[in-house]
């Protein structure tokens, strides 16, 4: 029987030396813990949880690489992320928007290009399920048509919510990393890559 593995990432707070002062989230870690519980209830063979200081780019990439090696055709890889999301300048020229989407991990942002490279390591026949709860979460998985549809139709979605007395203030944490913090972190990361 093929293995089913899961990875759950929850980031409420990040390293201030990388990002500066940004709002701490309240529920991202709880979301990751709940997703891990769901995977365990569904009898995933292994469920890894990375939270806050453990949710580094190195740890996430290592776990995704491990999953890519261990999950074989017919198996399932479930990956959930809850935390800030952002956009930074696209330095490779592969984004029509000129921006890369990111997960805001504890130590640095993880670019959609890096995630895409990891998804390509899985062998054909492996089902990969993504559950991302962050700003730019659809586009970080490279599903631009869905993101564009939701963005164009947001007023309609909010209108339906207002009918039930729900306002934007009632919505969950704003998981958008402030643009100035994203640029600061990106410039530090880009300088590290250039130096090596």
N, C-alpha and C. Protein backbone atom coordinates (compact mmCIF):
# COMPACT_ATOMS: atom_id res chain seq x y z
N UNK A 1 0.84 -1.19 0.00
CA UNK A 1 0.00 0.00 0.00
C UNK A 1 0.89 1.25 0.00
N UNK A 2 0.54 2.23 -0.82
CA UNK A 2 1.33 3.46 -0.95
C UNK A 2 1.23 4.30 0.32
N UNK A 3 2.31 4.98 0.64
CA UNK A 3 2.36 5.81 1.85
C UNK A 3 1.65 7.13 1.62
N UNK A 4 1.03 7.64 2.68
CA UNK A 4 0.44 8.97 2.68
C UNK A 4 1.09 9.75 3.82
N UNK A 5 1.74 10.85 3.47
CA UNK A 5 2.45 11.66 4.45
C UNK A 5 1.90 13.09 4.44
N UNK A 6 2.06 13.77 5.57
CA UNK A 6 1.58 15.15 5.62
C UNK A 6 2.57 16.04 6.35
N UNK A 7 2.55 17.30 5.97
CA UNK A 7 3.38 18.34 6.56
C UNK A 7 2.49 19.54 6.85
N UNK A 8 2.57 20.04 8.08
CA UNK A 8 1.72 21.16 8.51
C UNK A 8 2.59 22.26 9.08
N UNK A 9 2.44 23.46 8.54
CA UNK A 9 3.27 24.59 8.91
C UNK A 9 2.37 25.69 9.45
N UNK A 10 2.70 26.18 10.64
CA UNK A 10 1.95 27.29 11.24
C UNK A 10 2.91 28.33 11.77
N UNK A 11 2.77 29.57 11.30
CA UNK A 11 3.70 30.63 11.70
C UNK A 11 2.91 31.83 12.23
N UNK A 12 2.87 31.97 13.55
CA UNK A 12 2.25 33.15 14.17
C UNK A 12 3.23 34.31 14.26
N UNK A 13 4.49 33.98 14.58
CA UNK A 13 5.48 35.04 14.73
C UNK A 13 6.74 34.69 13.97
N UNK A 14 7.43 35.75 13.53
CA UNK A 14 8.64 35.58 12.72
C UNK A 14 9.81 36.29 13.38
N UNK A 15 10.99 36.03 12.86
CA UNK A 15 12.22 36.62 13.38
C UNK A 15 12.25 38.12 13.07
N UNK A 16 12.21 38.93 14.10
CA UNK A 16 12.19 40.39 13.94
C UNK A 16 13.47 40.90 13.28
N UNK A 17 14.59 40.18 13.43
CA UNK A 17 15.83 40.64 12.80
C UNK A 17 15.77 40.49 11.28
N UNK A 18 14.87 39.65 10.79
CA UNK A 18 14.70 39.49 9.34
C UNK A 18 13.63 40.43 8.80
N UNK A 19 12.50 40.51 9.50
CA UNK A 19 11.34 41.21 8.97
C UNK A 19 11.06 42.57 9.61
N UNK A 20 11.67 42.86 10.75
CA UNK A 20 11.29 44.06 11.49
C UNK A 20 10.04 43.75 12.29
N UNK A 21 9.38 44.79 12.75
CA UNK A 21 8.17 44.59 13.57
C UNK A 21 6.96 44.41 12.65
N UNK A 22 6.41 43.19 12.64
CA UNK A 22 5.19 42.93 11.88
C UNK A 22 4.17 42.33 12.82
N UNK A 23 2.90 42.45 12.47
CA UNK A 23 1.85 41.93 13.37
C UNK A 23 1.96 40.42 13.58
N UNK A 24 1.87 40.01 14.83
CA UNK A 24 1.84 38.59 15.18
C UNK A 24 0.43 38.07 14.88
N UNK A 25 0.36 36.90 14.29
CA UNK A 25 -0.93 36.28 14.04
C UNK A 25 -1.41 35.55 15.28
N UNK A 26 -2.71 35.32 15.37
CA UNK A 26 -3.28 34.67 16.54
C UNK A 26 -3.59 33.20 16.34
N UNK A 27 -3.86 32.80 15.11
CA UNK A 27 -4.43 31.45 14.94
C UNK A 27 -3.71 30.55 13.95
N UNK A 28 -2.61 30.99 13.37
CA UNK A 28 -1.94 30.16 12.36
C UNK A 28 -1.41 28.85 12.95
N UNK A 29 -0.81 28.91 14.12
CA UNK A 29 -0.29 27.69 14.76
C UNK A 29 -1.44 26.75 15.10
N UNK A 30 -2.52 27.29 15.62
CA UNK A 30 -3.69 26.44 15.92
C UNK A 30 -4.23 25.79 14.65
N UNK A 31 -4.24 26.54 13.55
CA UNK A 31 -4.70 25.98 12.27
C UNK A 31 -3.84 24.78 11.87
N UNK A 32 -2.52 24.92 12.00
CA UNK A 32 -1.61 23.83 11.64
C UNK A 32 -1.81 22.62 12.55
N UNK A 33 -2.00 22.88 13.83
CA UNK A 33 -2.24 21.77 14.77
C UNK A 33 -3.53 21.03 14.41
N UNK A 34 -4.56 21.79 14.04
CA UNK A 34 -5.83 21.16 13.65
C UNK A 34 -5.69 20.36 12.37
N UNK A 35 -4.92 20.88 11.41
CA UNK A 35 -4.71 20.14 10.16
C UNK A 35 -3.94 18.85 10.43
N UNK A 36 -2.98 18.89 11.33
CA UNK A 36 -2.24 17.67 11.68
C UNK A 36 -3.18 16.64 12.30
N UNK A 37 -4.07 17.09 13.16
CA UNK A 37 -5.06 16.20 13.79
C UNK A 37 -5.96 15.57 12.73
N UNK A 38 -6.38 16.37 11.76
CA UNK A 38 -7.22 15.84 10.67
C UNK A 38 -6.46 14.76 9.91
N UNK A 39 -5.19 15.02 9.58
CA UNK A 39 -4.38 14.03 8.85
C UNK A 39 -4.24 12.75 9.66
N UNK A 40 -4.01 12.89 10.96
CA UNK A 40 -3.89 11.71 11.81
C UNK A 40 -5.20 10.94 11.86
N UNK A 41 -6.32 11.65 11.95
CA UNK A 41 -7.62 11.00 11.94
C UNK A 41 -7.88 10.26 10.63
N UNK A 42 -7.30 10.78 9.54
CA UNK A 42 -7.44 10.14 8.23
C UNK A 42 -6.38 9.06 8.01
N UNK A 43 -5.60 8.79 9.05
CA UNK A 43 -4.61 7.72 9.07
C UNK A 43 -3.43 7.95 8.12
N UNK A 44 -3.02 9.21 8.00
CA UNK A 44 -1.77 9.47 7.30
C UNK A 44 -0.67 8.83 8.13
N UNK A 45 0.27 8.19 7.46
CA UNK A 45 1.30 7.43 8.13
C UNK A 45 2.21 8.33 8.98
N UNK A 46 2.50 9.50 8.47
CA UNK A 46 3.38 10.42 9.19
C UNK A 46 2.85 11.83 9.00
N UNK A 47 2.75 12.55 10.11
CA UNK A 47 2.31 13.94 10.07
C UNK A 47 3.33 14.79 10.82
N UNK A 48 4.02 15.66 10.11
CA UNK A 48 5.04 16.53 10.68
C UNK A 48 4.43 17.91 10.92
N UNK A 49 4.75 18.50 12.08
CA UNK A 49 4.25 19.83 12.43
C UNK A 49 5.44 20.75 12.64
N UNK A 50 5.50 21.84 11.89
CA UNK A 50 6.53 22.87 12.06
C UNK A 50 5.84 24.16 12.48
N UNK A 51 6.23 24.69 13.64
CA UNK A 51 5.59 25.89 14.16
C UNK A 51 6.63 26.96 14.46
N UNK A 52 6.27 28.20 14.22
CA UNK A 52 7.08 29.37 14.55
C UNK A 52 8.57 29.14 14.32
N UNK A 53 9.40 29.10 15.38
CA UNK A 53 10.87 29.03 15.22
C UNK A 53 11.32 27.78 14.47
N UNK A 54 10.53 26.71 14.48
CA UNK A 54 10.89 25.50 13.74
C UNK A 54 10.50 25.58 12.27
N UNK A 55 9.67 26.55 11.92
CA UNK A 55 9.18 26.70 10.55
C UNK A 55 10.16 27.56 9.74
N UNK A 56 11.38 27.04 9.60
CA UNK A 56 12.40 27.73 8.81
C UNK A 56 12.37 27.22 7.38
N UNK A 57 12.93 27.99 6.48
CA UNK A 57 12.97 27.58 5.08
C UNK A 57 13.70 26.24 4.95
N UNK A 58 14.81 26.09 5.65
CA UNK A 58 15.58 24.83 5.57
C UNK A 58 14.73 23.65 6.02
N UNK A 59 14.04 23.78 7.16
CA UNK A 59 13.23 22.67 7.66
C UNK A 59 12.08 22.33 6.71
N UNK A 60 11.42 23.35 6.17
CA UNK A 60 10.30 23.11 5.25
C UNK A 60 10.81 22.41 3.99
N UNK A 61 11.88 22.91 3.41
CA UNK A 61 12.41 22.30 2.19
C UNK A 61 12.91 20.87 2.44
N UNK A 62 13.53 20.64 3.58
CA UNK A 62 13.97 19.28 3.91
C UNK A 62 12.78 18.33 4.03
N UNK A 63 11.71 18.77 4.68
CA UNK A 63 10.54 17.91 4.85
C UNK A 63 9.85 17.65 3.51
N UNK A 64 9.76 18.67 2.67
CA UNK A 64 9.16 18.46 1.35
C UNK A 64 10.02 17.50 0.52
N UNK A 65 11.34 17.64 0.61
CA UNK A 65 12.24 16.72 -0.10
C UNK A 65 12.09 15.29 0.39
N UNK A 66 11.97 15.13 1.71
CA UNK A 66 11.76 13.79 2.29
C UNK A 66 10.46 13.19 1.77
N UNK A 67 9.41 14.01 1.76
CA UNK A 67 8.12 13.52 1.27
C UNK A 67 8.23 13.11 -0.20
N UNK A 68 8.93 13.91 -1.00
CA UNK A 68 9.07 13.60 -2.43
C UNK A 68 9.78 12.27 -2.64
N UNK A 69 10.73 11.93 -1.76
CA UNK A 69 11.44 10.66 -1.87
C UNK A 69 10.60 9.48 -1.38
N UNK A 70 9.79 9.70 -0.36
CA UNK A 70 9.10 8.58 0.29
C UNK A 70 7.71 8.27 -0.27
N UNK A 71 7.03 9.27 -0.81
CA UNK A 71 5.68 9.02 -1.32
C UNK A 71 5.79 8.52 -2.76
N UNK A 72 5.24 7.35 -3.00
CA UNK A 72 5.33 6.71 -4.31
C UNK A 72 3.98 6.79 -5.03
N UNK A 73 3.93 6.43 -6.31
CA UNK A 73 2.68 6.49 -7.04
C UNK A 73 1.54 5.80 -6.28
N UNK A 74 0.39 6.47 -6.27
CA UNK A 74 -0.77 5.99 -5.53
C UNK A 74 -0.84 6.57 -4.13
N UNK A 75 0.26 7.15 -3.67
CA UNK A 75 0.30 7.76 -2.35
C UNK A 75 -0.14 9.22 -2.40
N UNK A 76 -0.26 9.80 -1.20
CA UNK A 76 -0.73 11.17 -1.08
C UNK A 76 0.25 11.98 -0.23
N UNK A 77 0.52 13.19 -0.68
CA UNK A 77 1.29 14.16 0.11
C UNK A 77 0.34 15.32 0.40
N UNK A 78 0.10 15.57 1.69
CA UNK A 78 -0.76 16.67 2.11
C UNK A 78 0.12 17.73 2.75
N UNK A 79 0.04 18.96 2.24
CA UNK A 79 0.84 20.07 2.76
C UNK A 79 -0.11 21.21 3.13
N UNK A 80 -0.03 21.63 4.41
CA UNK A 80 -0.84 22.79 4.81
C UNK A 80 0.08 23.88 5.36
N UNK A 81 -0.27 25.12 5.06
CA UNK A 81 0.49 26.28 5.53
C UNK A 81 -0.50 27.33 6.02
N UNK A 82 -0.24 27.84 7.22
CA UNK A 82 -1.02 28.96 7.76
C UNK A 82 -0.02 29.98 8.28
N UNK A 83 -0.13 31.20 7.79
CA UNK A 83 0.77 32.26 8.20
C UNK A 83 0.64 33.43 7.25
N UNK A 84 1.56 34.39 7.38
CA UNK A 84 1.58 35.53 6.46
C UNK A 84 1.97 35.06 5.07
N UNK A 85 1.48 35.78 4.06
CA UNK A 85 1.89 35.59 2.68
C UNK A 85 2.27 36.95 2.13
N UNK A 86 3.08 36.95 1.09
CA UNK A 86 3.50 38.24 0.55
C UNK A 86 3.87 38.10 -0.91
N UNK A 87 4.33 39.20 -1.48
CA UNK A 87 4.86 39.23 -2.83
C UNK A 87 6.16 40.03 -2.80
N UNK A 88 7.09 39.62 -3.64
CA UNK A 88 8.37 40.31 -3.77
C UNK A 88 8.68 40.43 -5.26
N UNK A 89 9.64 41.30 -5.63
CA UNK A 89 9.99 41.42 -7.05
C UNK A 89 10.44 40.08 -7.63
N UNK A 90 9.98 39.79 -8.84
CA UNK A 90 10.36 38.57 -9.54
C UNK A 90 11.71 38.80 -10.20
N UNK A 91 12.72 38.06 -9.76
CA UNK A 91 14.06 38.25 -10.31
C UNK A 91 14.38 37.29 -11.46
N UNK A 92 13.48 36.34 -11.73
CA UNK A 92 13.74 35.36 -12.80
C UNK A 92 12.97 35.67 -14.07
N UNK A 93 12.00 36.57 -14.01
CA UNK A 93 11.23 36.94 -15.19
C UNK A 93 10.16 35.95 -15.59
N UNK A 94 9.79 35.02 -14.68
CA UNK A 94 8.79 34.01 -15.03
C UNK A 94 7.38 34.37 -14.59
N UNK A 95 7.20 35.52 -13.97
CA UNK A 95 5.87 35.93 -13.49
C UNK A 95 5.35 37.08 -14.34
N UNK A 96 4.17 36.92 -14.93
CA UNK A 96 3.62 37.99 -15.76
C UNK A 96 3.34 39.25 -14.93
N UNK A 97 3.11 39.06 -13.64
CA UNK A 97 2.83 40.20 -12.75
C UNK A 97 4.11 40.92 -12.33
N UNK A 98 5.26 40.28 -12.57
CA UNK A 98 6.52 40.86 -12.11
C UNK A 98 6.78 40.64 -10.62
N UNK A 99 5.95 39.81 -9.97
CA UNK A 99 6.06 39.56 -8.54
C UNK A 99 6.05 38.06 -8.26
N UNK A 100 6.92 37.63 -7.37
CA UNK A 100 6.87 36.26 -6.85
C UNK A 100 6.02 36.27 -5.59
N UNK A 101 5.27 35.21 -5.36
CA UNK A 101 4.48 35.06 -4.16
C UNK A 101 5.29 34.27 -3.15
N UNK A 102 5.04 34.50 -1.86
CA UNK A 102 5.86 33.85 -0.84
C UNK A 102 5.03 33.35 0.33
N UNK A 103 5.60 32.36 1.01
CA UNK A 103 5.20 32.02 2.37
C UNK A 103 6.16 32.79 3.27
N UNK A 104 5.67 33.38 4.31
CA UNK A 104 6.51 34.10 5.25
C UNK A 104 6.86 33.14 6.39
N UNK A 105 8.02 32.50 6.26
CA UNK A 105 8.47 31.55 7.28
C UNK A 105 9.22 32.30 8.38
N UNK A 106 9.61 31.60 9.42
CA UNK A 106 10.22 32.25 10.57
C UNK A 106 11.47 33.04 10.19
N UNK A 107 12.36 32.41 9.41
CA UNK A 107 13.66 33.02 9.13
C UNK A 107 13.76 33.77 7.82
N UNK A 108 12.92 33.40 6.85
CA UNK A 108 12.92 34.08 5.55
C UNK A 108 11.69 33.68 4.77
N UNK A 109 11.44 34.41 3.69
CA UNK A 109 10.33 34.07 2.83
C UNK A 109 10.74 32.92 1.90
N UNK A 110 9.79 32.04 1.66
CA UNK A 110 9.98 30.93 0.73
C UNK A 110 9.24 31.29 -0.55
N UNK A 111 9.97 31.41 -1.66
CA UNK A 111 9.39 31.86 -2.92
C UNK A 111 8.57 30.76 -3.59
N UNK A 112 7.58 31.18 -4.37
CA UNK A 112 6.80 30.22 -5.15
C UNK A 112 7.68 29.43 -6.10
N UNK A 113 8.77 30.02 -6.59
CA UNK A 113 9.70 29.30 -7.46
C UNK A 113 10.34 28.13 -6.73
N UNK A 114 10.67 28.34 -5.46
CA UNK A 114 11.27 27.27 -4.66
C UNK A 114 10.26 26.15 -4.41
N UNK A 115 9.02 26.53 -4.12
CA UNK A 115 7.98 25.53 -3.91
C UNK A 115 7.71 24.75 -5.19
N UNK A 116 7.64 25.45 -6.31
CA UNK A 116 7.39 24.79 -7.59
C UNK A 116 8.49 23.76 -7.88
N UNK A 117 9.74 24.12 -7.57
CA UNK A 117 10.84 23.18 -7.77
C UNK A 117 10.66 21.93 -6.90
N UNK A 118 10.13 22.13 -5.69
CA UNK A 118 9.89 20.97 -4.81
C UNK A 118 8.75 20.11 -5.34
N UNK A 119 7.67 20.71 -5.82
CA UNK A 119 6.53 19.92 -6.33
C UNK A 119 7.00 19.05 -7.49
N UNK A 120 7.93 19.55 -8.29
CA UNK A 120 8.40 18.79 -9.45
C UNK A 120 9.21 17.55 -9.05
N UNK A 121 9.66 17.47 -7.81
CA UNK A 121 10.44 16.31 -7.35
C UNK A 121 9.57 15.08 -7.09
N UNK A 122 8.26 15.29 -6.93
CA UNK A 122 7.37 14.15 -6.69
C UNK A 122 7.20 13.38 -7.99
N UNK A 123 7.20 12.06 -7.87
CA UNK A 123 7.06 11.23 -9.07
C UNK A 123 5.62 11.26 -9.57
N UNK A 124 5.44 11.04 -10.88
CA UNK A 124 4.08 10.98 -11.41
C UNK A 124 3.28 9.90 -10.68
N UNK A 125 2.01 10.18 -10.47
CA UNK A 125 1.14 9.25 -9.78
C UNK A 125 0.95 9.56 -8.30
N UNK A 126 1.73 10.51 -7.77
CA UNK A 126 1.55 10.96 -6.39
C UNK A 126 0.54 12.10 -6.41
N UNK A 127 -0.43 12.01 -5.55
CA UNK A 127 -1.40 13.10 -5.42
C UNK A 127 -0.89 14.06 -4.34
N UNK A 128 -0.82 15.34 -4.69
CA UNK A 128 -0.39 16.36 -3.74
C UNK A 128 -1.57 17.28 -3.48
N UNK A 129 -1.93 17.38 -2.20
CA UNK A 129 -3.00 18.29 -1.79
C UNK A 129 -2.39 19.46 -1.05
N UNK A 130 -2.76 20.69 -1.45
CA UNK A 130 -2.29 21.90 -0.79
C UNK A 130 -3.45 22.53 -0.05
N UNK A 131 -3.21 22.97 1.15
CA UNK A 131 -4.18 23.77 1.88
C UNK A 131 -3.40 24.95 2.45
N UNK A 132 -3.55 26.12 1.83
CA UNK A 132 -2.79 27.30 2.23
C UNK A 132 -3.75 28.36 2.74
N UNK A 133 -3.47 28.89 3.91
CA UNK A 133 -4.26 29.98 4.47
C UNK A 133 -3.34 31.15 4.73
N UNK A 134 -3.16 31.95 3.68
CA UNK A 134 -2.31 33.13 3.76
C UNK A 134 -2.69 34.05 2.60
N UNK A 135 -2.25 35.27 2.66
CA UNK A 135 -2.42 36.14 1.51
C UNK A 135 -1.59 35.57 0.36
N UNK A 136 -2.08 35.73 -0.85
CA UNK A 136 -1.42 35.24 -2.07
C UNK A 136 -1.30 33.72 -2.08
N UNK A 137 -2.16 33.03 -1.33
CA UNK A 137 -2.02 31.58 -1.20
C UNK A 137 -2.35 30.83 -2.49
N UNK A 138 -3.29 31.30 -3.27
CA UNK A 138 -3.59 30.60 -4.52
C UNK A 138 -2.48 30.77 -5.53
N UNK A 139 -1.93 31.97 -5.59
CA UNK A 139 -0.90 32.22 -6.59
C UNK A 139 0.44 31.63 -6.18
N UNK A 140 0.67 31.38 -4.89
CA UNK A 140 1.92 30.74 -4.48
C UNK A 140 1.96 29.30 -4.97
N UNK A 141 0.80 28.71 -5.19
CA UNK A 141 0.73 27.35 -5.72
C UNK A 141 0.64 27.35 -7.24
N UNK A 142 0.72 28.53 -7.82
CA UNK A 142 0.68 28.73 -9.27
C UNK A 142 -0.68 28.38 -9.87
N UNK A 143 -1.72 28.92 -9.25
CA UNK A 143 -3.06 28.81 -9.78
C UNK A 143 -3.61 30.20 -10.04
N UNK A 144 -3.01 30.97 -10.97
CA UNK A 144 -3.38 32.36 -11.15
C UNK A 144 -4.82 32.58 -11.61
N UNK A 145 -5.40 31.66 -12.36
CA UNK A 145 -6.77 31.86 -12.83
C UNK A 145 -7.76 31.90 -11.68
N UNK A 146 -7.56 31.04 -10.67
CA UNK A 146 -8.45 31.02 -9.51
C UNK A 146 -8.31 32.30 -8.72
N UNK A 147 -7.07 32.73 -8.49
CA UNK A 147 -6.84 33.96 -7.73
C UNK A 147 -7.47 35.14 -8.44
N UNK A 148 -7.27 35.22 -9.75
CA UNK A 148 -7.83 36.33 -10.52
C UNK A 148 -9.36 36.34 -10.40
N UNK A 149 -9.99 35.17 -10.48
CA UNK A 149 -11.44 35.09 -10.37
C UNK A 149 -11.93 35.59 -9.01
N UNK A 150 -11.29 35.13 -7.94
CA UNK A 150 -11.71 35.54 -6.60
C UNK A 150 -11.51 37.03 -6.41
N UNK A 151 -10.36 37.54 -6.86
CA UNK A 151 -10.08 38.97 -6.70
C UNK A 151 -11.10 39.82 -7.46
N UNK A 152 -11.44 39.41 -8.67
CA UNK A 152 -12.42 40.16 -9.45
C UNK A 152 -13.81 40.11 -8.84
N UNK A 153 -14.12 39.01 -8.14
CA UNK A 153 -15.46 38.82 -7.60
C UNK A 153 -15.56 39.05 -6.10
N UNK A 154 -14.49 39.57 -5.46
CA UNK A 154 -14.52 39.78 -4.02
C UNK A 154 -15.71 40.62 -3.57
N UNK A 155 -16.04 41.72 -4.27
CA UNK A 155 -17.21 42.49 -3.82
C UNK A 155 -18.49 41.65 -3.73
N UNK A 156 -18.66 40.70 -4.66
CA UNK A 156 -19.83 39.83 -4.61
C UNK A 156 -19.78 38.92 -3.38
N UNK A 157 -18.59 38.37 -3.08
CA UNK A 157 -18.46 37.50 -1.92
C UNK A 157 -18.74 38.28 -0.64
N UNK A 158 -18.18 39.49 -0.55
CA UNK A 158 -18.40 40.31 0.65
C UNK A 158 -19.86 40.73 0.75
N UNK A 159 -20.50 41.01 -0.37
CA UNK A 159 -21.91 41.40 -0.32
C UNK A 159 -22.75 40.30 0.32
N UNK A 160 -22.49 39.06 -0.08
CA UNK A 160 -23.21 37.94 0.51
C UNK A 160 -22.96 37.85 2.00
N UNK A 161 -21.74 38.13 2.43
CA UNK A 161 -21.42 38.09 3.85
C UNK A 161 -22.13 39.19 4.61
N UNK A 162 -22.21 40.36 4.00
CA UNK A 162 -22.87 41.49 4.68
C UNK A 162 -24.35 41.18 4.93
N UNK A 163 -24.94 40.37 4.07
CA UNK A 163 -26.34 39.99 4.27
C UNK A 163 -26.54 39.26 5.59
N UNK A 164 -25.46 38.65 6.10
CA UNK A 164 -25.53 37.93 7.36
C UNK A 164 -24.91 38.73 8.51
N UNK A 165 -24.67 40.02 8.27
CA UNK A 165 -24.12 40.87 9.31
C UNK A 165 -22.63 40.72 9.49
N UNK A 166 -21.94 40.10 8.53
CA UNK A 166 -20.50 39.92 8.62
C UNK A 166 -19.81 41.07 7.89
N UNK A 167 -18.87 41.71 8.54
CA UNK A 167 -18.10 42.78 7.91
C UNK A 167 -16.65 42.33 7.76
N UNK A 168 -15.85 43.12 7.08
CA UNK A 168 -14.44 42.76 6.92
C UNK A 168 -13.73 42.68 8.26
N UNK A 169 -14.18 43.45 9.24
CA UNK A 169 -13.58 43.42 10.59
C UNK A 169 -13.81 42.06 11.26
N UNK A 170 -14.85 41.33 10.85
CA UNK A 170 -15.15 40.03 11.43
C UNK A 170 -14.33 38.89 10.81
N UNK A 171 -13.65 39.18 9.71
CA UNK A 171 -12.88 38.14 9.03
C UNK A 171 -11.65 37.78 9.84
N UNK A 172 -11.06 36.60 9.59
CA UNK A 172 -9.87 36.18 10.34
C UNK A 172 -8.71 37.15 10.14
N UNK A 173 -7.62 36.85 10.86
CA UNK A 173 -6.40 37.67 10.77
C UNK A 173 -6.11 38.08 9.34
N UNK A 174 -5.63 39.31 9.18
CA UNK A 174 -5.11 39.73 7.89
C UNK A 174 -3.74 39.11 7.75
N UNK A 175 -3.58 38.20 6.83
CA UNK A 175 -2.32 37.47 6.72
C UNK A 175 -1.43 38.02 5.62
N UNK A 176 -1.59 39.31 5.33
CA UNK A 176 -0.72 39.96 4.36
C UNK A 176 0.45 40.59 5.10
N UNK A 177 1.65 40.20 4.74
CA UNK A 177 2.84 40.80 5.30
C UNK A 177 2.92 42.23 4.77
N UNK A 178 3.11 43.22 5.63
CA UNK A 178 3.22 44.60 5.14
C UNK A 178 4.31 44.69 4.06
N UNK A 179 4.03 45.40 2.96
CA UNK A 179 4.98 45.45 1.84
C UNK A 179 6.38 45.90 2.24
N UNK A 180 6.50 46.86 3.16
CA UNK A 180 7.83 47.33 3.54
C UNK A 180 8.62 46.22 4.27
N UNK A 181 7.94 45.38 5.06
CA UNK A 181 8.60 44.26 5.73
C UNK A 181 9.01 43.21 4.71
N UNK A 182 8.17 42.99 3.71
CA UNK A 182 8.50 42.02 2.66
C UNK A 182 9.73 42.46 1.89
N UNK A 183 9.80 43.73 1.54
CA UNK A 183 10.94 44.22 0.78
C UNK A 183 12.22 44.16 1.60
N UNK A 184 12.14 44.51 2.88
CA UNK A 184 13.31 44.43 3.76
C UNK A 184 13.83 43.00 3.84
N UNK A 185 12.94 42.04 4.08
CA UNK A 185 13.34 40.64 4.19
C UNK A 185 13.89 40.13 2.85
N UNK A 186 13.26 40.53 1.75
CA UNK A 186 13.70 40.09 0.43
C UNK A 186 15.11 40.60 0.13
N UNK A 187 15.37 41.87 0.46
CA UNK A 187 16.69 42.44 0.19
C UNK A 187 17.76 41.72 1.01
N UNK A 188 17.45 41.35 2.27
CA UNK A 188 18.41 40.60 3.08
C UNK A 188 18.67 39.22 2.47
N UNK A 189 17.61 38.56 2.04
CA UNK A 189 17.72 37.23 1.45
C UNK A 189 18.51 37.30 0.13
N UNK A 190 18.20 38.29 -0.70
CA UNK A 190 18.89 38.44 -1.97
C UNK A 190 20.38 38.72 -1.75
N UNK A 191 20.71 39.51 -0.73
CA UNK A 191 22.11 39.79 -0.41
C UNK A 191 22.83 38.52 0.03
N UNK A 192 22.15 37.65 0.79
CA UNK A 192 22.75 36.39 1.23
C UNK A 192 23.05 35.49 0.03
N UNK A 193 22.14 35.42 -0.91
CA UNK A 193 22.34 34.57 -2.08
C UNK A 193 23.48 35.10 -2.93
N UNK A 194 23.53 36.42 -3.12
CA UNK A 194 24.57 37.04 -3.92
C UNK A 194 25.95 36.82 -3.30
N UNK A 195 26.01 36.82 -1.95
CA UNK A 195 27.28 36.67 -1.24
C UNK A 195 27.83 35.25 -1.31
N UNK A 196 26.95 34.25 -1.57
CA UNK A 196 27.43 32.86 -1.57
C UNK A 196 27.83 32.38 -2.94
